[in-house]
Protein backbone atom coordinates (compact mmCIF):
# COMPACT_ATOMS: atom_id res chain seq x y z
CA MET A 1 -32.91 28.37 32.14
CA LYS A 2 -33.13 24.67 32.91
CA TRP A 3 -34.10 24.35 29.22
CA ARG A 4 -31.13 26.01 28.03
CA ASN A 5 -28.82 23.90 30.15
CA TYR A 6 -30.22 20.50 28.50
CA PHE A 7 -29.67 22.20 24.63
CA HIS A 8 -26.09 22.63 25.42
CA LEU A 9 -25.52 19.37 26.89
CA PHE A 10 -27.43 17.75 23.78
CA PHE A 11 -25.33 19.94 21.65
CA LEU A 12 -22.12 19.04 23.19
CA SER A 13 -22.94 15.14 22.93
CA ALA A 14 -24.21 15.35 19.36
CA LEU A 15 -20.93 17.25 18.39
CA SER A 16 -18.58 14.29 19.95
CA ALA A 17 -20.89 11.73 18.15
CA PHE A 18 -19.90 13.43 14.98
CA THR A 19 -16.60 14.04 15.19
CA CYS A 20 -16.24 10.15 15.84
CA SER A 21 -18.12 8.98 13.30
CA ALA A 22 -16.50 11.31 10.95
CA GLN A 23 -13.11 9.63 11.56
CA SER A 24 -12.36 6.34 9.34
CA LYS A 25 -9.77 3.85 9.97
CA ILE A 26 -8.14 1.04 8.03
CA GLU A 27 -7.15 -1.89 9.92
CA ILE A 28 -5.01 -4.48 8.06
CA SER A 29 -4.99 -7.98 10.08
CA ALA A 30 -2.72 -9.69 7.91
CA TRP A 31 -1.40 -9.31 4.55
CA GLY A 32 -0.13 -11.75 2.11
CA LYS A 33 -0.17 -12.51 -1.78
CA SER A 34 -4.03 -12.22 -1.59
CA HIS A 35 -3.76 -8.36 -1.02
CA GLY A 36 -0.80 -8.06 -3.52
CA LEU A 37 2.04 -7.77 -0.89
CA GLU A 38 4.84 -10.36 -2.13
CA SER A 39 7.81 -9.49 0.35
CA THR A 40 7.67 -10.58 4.31
CA ILE A 41 10.46 -7.97 4.98
CA ILE A 42 8.89 -4.49 5.25
CA TYR A 43 11.79 -2.10 5.50
CA GLY A 44 9.14 1.36 5.94
CA VAL A 45 5.70 2.66 5.09
CA PHE A 46 4.85 5.98 4.54
CA GLN A 47 1.62 8.00 3.20
CA ASP A 48 2.54 10.89 0.73
CA THR A 49 0.10 14.14 -0.02
CA ASN A 50 -1.84 12.04 -2.41
CA HIS A 51 -2.94 10.11 0.05
CA LEU A 52 -1.07 6.81 -1.45
CA ILE A 53 -0.05 4.44 1.21
CA TRP A 54 3.87 3.34 -0.07
CA ILE A 55 5.67 0.02 1.17
CA CYS A 56 9.41 0.07 1.11
CA THR A 57 10.30 -3.80 1.07
CA TYR A 58 12.81 -6.44 0.24
CA ASN A 59 11.42 -7.04 -2.94
CA GLY A 60 10.79 -3.65 -4.04
CA LEU A 61 8.52 -0.82 -3.82
CA TYR A 62 4.71 -1.28 -3.36
CA TYR A 63 1.81 1.66 -2.98
CA PHE A 64 -1.65 0.69 -1.43
CA ASP A 65 -4.63 2.31 -2.51
CA GLY A 66 -6.83 1.26 0.75
CA PHE A 67 -7.77 -2.15 -1.04
CA ARG A 68 -4.65 -3.68 -2.44
CA ALA A 69 -1.06 -3.08 -2.90
CA TYR A 70 0.70 -3.08 -6.36
CA LYS A 71 3.91 -2.97 -7.29
CA ALA A 72 5.46 -0.05 -8.40
CA ASN A 73 7.97 -0.04 -11.44
CA ILE A 74 10.91 1.51 -10.67
CA MET A 75 13.34 1.79 -14.01
CA ASP A 76 16.87 2.75 -14.00
CA TRP A 77 17.50 6.30 -15.95
CA GLU A 78 20.35 5.65 -17.51
CA SER A 79 19.99 1.62 -18.48
CA ASN A 80 16.35 1.78 -18.50
CA LEU A 81 16.07 -1.24 -17.22
CA PRO A 82 13.54 -2.30 -14.37
CA TYR A 83 14.96 -2.63 -10.59
CA GLU A 84 14.19 -5.98 -8.62
CA GLY A 85 15.70 -5.65 -5.04
CA ILE A 86 15.82 -3.85 -1.42
CA VAL A 87 13.94 -0.62 -1.22
CA SER A 88 14.74 0.36 2.09
CA GLN A 89 13.34 4.53 2.15
CA LEU A 90 10.94 6.34 0.12
CA LEU A 91 10.65 10.27 1.26
CA GLN A 92 8.24 13.26 -0.30
CA THR A 93 9.68 16.61 0.03
CA GLN A 94 7.86 19.29 0.33
CA ASN A 95 8.26 20.66 -3.58
CA GLY A 96 6.67 17.10 -3.90
CA ASN A 97 9.92 15.06 -5.08
CA TYR A 98 10.46 11.44 -4.16
CA TRP A 99 13.76 10.43 -3.10
CA LEU A 100 14.48 6.62 -2.96
CA LYS A 101 16.81 4.43 -1.20
CA LEU A 102 17.96 1.45 -3.07
CA GLU A 103 20.25 -0.68 -1.17
CA HIS A 104 23.35 1.38 -1.75
CA ARG A 105 21.99 3.61 -4.23
CA LEU A 106 20.15 7.19 -3.77
CA GLY A 107 18.31 9.32 -5.84
CA SER A 108 15.23 10.52 -7.10
CA TYR A 109 12.06 8.94 -7.89
CA ASN A 110 9.42 10.03 -10.54
CA ILE A 111 6.05 8.25 -9.82
CA TYR A 112 4.34 9.19 -12.78
CA SER A 113 7.48 8.05 -15.25
CA GLN A 114 8.66 5.49 -12.96
CA GLN A 115 12.11 6.89 -13.63
CA PHE A 116 14.79 6.57 -10.90
CA THR A 117 17.72 9.09 -11.13
CA SER A 118 20.90 8.41 -8.91
CA LEU A 119 22.29 11.06 -7.26
CA LYS A 120 26.08 11.76 -8.76
CA LYS A 121 28.56 10.11 -6.72
CA ALA A 122 26.21 8.75 -4.50
CA ASP A 123 26.72 5.20 -3.86
CA SER A 124 26.85 4.96 0.02
CA HIS A 125 26.84 2.99 3.57
CA PHE A 126 23.99 0.56 3.43
CA LEU A 127 22.70 2.72 6.59
CA ALA A 128 22.34 6.13 5.05
CA PHE A 129 19.13 7.71 5.10
CA PHE A 130 17.26 10.79 3.70
CA GLN A 131 16.49 13.61 6.26
CA ASP A 132 14.01 16.60 5.28
CA ASN A 133 14.22 19.69 7.50
CA GLY A 134 11.33 21.54 5.09
CA THR A 135 13.55 23.40 3.21
CA ASP A 136 16.84 21.22 2.50
CA LEU A 137 17.45 17.41 1.97
CA PHE A 138 20.08 15.59 3.76
CA VAL A 139 21.89 12.01 3.57
CA VAL A 140 22.43 11.11 6.79
CA GLU A 141 25.61 8.32 7.05
CA PRO A 142 27.18 6.73 10.03
CA GLN A 143 30.19 8.86 9.70
CA LYS A 144 29.39 11.82 7.91
CA THR A 145 26.27 13.84 6.67
CA LEU A 146 25.83 15.48 3.02
CA SER A 147 23.35 17.88 1.65
CA VAL A 148 21.66 17.25 -1.57
CA ASN A 149 21.70 19.45 -4.35
CA GLN A 150 18.22 18.81 -5.83
CA GLU A 151 18.65 20.46 -8.79
CA THR A 152 21.65 19.10 -9.96
CA LEU A 153 21.49 15.71 -7.96
CA SER A 154 24.85 15.87 -6.42
CA LEU A 155 26.22 15.80 -2.66
CA LEU A 156 27.89 18.33 -1.14
CA PRO A 157 29.73 17.72 2.04
CA LEU A 158 28.64 19.70 5.33
CA VAL A 159 31.61 20.93 7.29
CA PHE A 160 30.59 22.40 10.73
CA LEU A 161 32.56 25.23 12.31
CA ASP A 162 32.91 26.47 15.98
CA SER A 163 32.93 30.05 17.09
CA THR A 164 36.39 30.40 15.96
CA GLY A 165 36.25 28.95 12.78
CA ILE A 166 37.87 25.54 13.11
CA SER A 167 36.22 22.64 11.67
CA THR A 168 34.38 20.48 14.54
CA ASP A 169 32.61 17.87 12.84
CA ASN A 170 30.64 16.90 10.01
CA LYS A 171 27.96 14.96 11.44
CA VAL A 172 24.62 17.04 12.48
């Protein structure tokens, strides 16, 4: 009986040691030009399903592969000109699509072709941001909430009704 208790104790301690050693951490104490990041202003950091770390900055969009940050090209779909400027948000929806907020422009971003396509009639407030609930994509602005039609790349205003059918608000 005593032997069995020692075996359980050994097994539990060995199991916890294996789980701790299997986890890996990336510790970053300082970033700069030597690591590929040109901007000192970071708006957001996001990890996608491909395990890339995306960094939204004042000088554009960067992706980090675990060793170095690389600047992502953002080509405007209509003009085919590169975008240089503030990227304040990147979001990946469950269907794998990426959505970018570039200063006052919102749109979809293809990470493979590097094409940015603006949402139709989507010049928005600087404080607007994308929000995803798993099935739908929304644009939340200070005064209103809009639904994104991901097929047509257009915005639909949301109107909320009370129990009697009277419009109450247009913000979630």
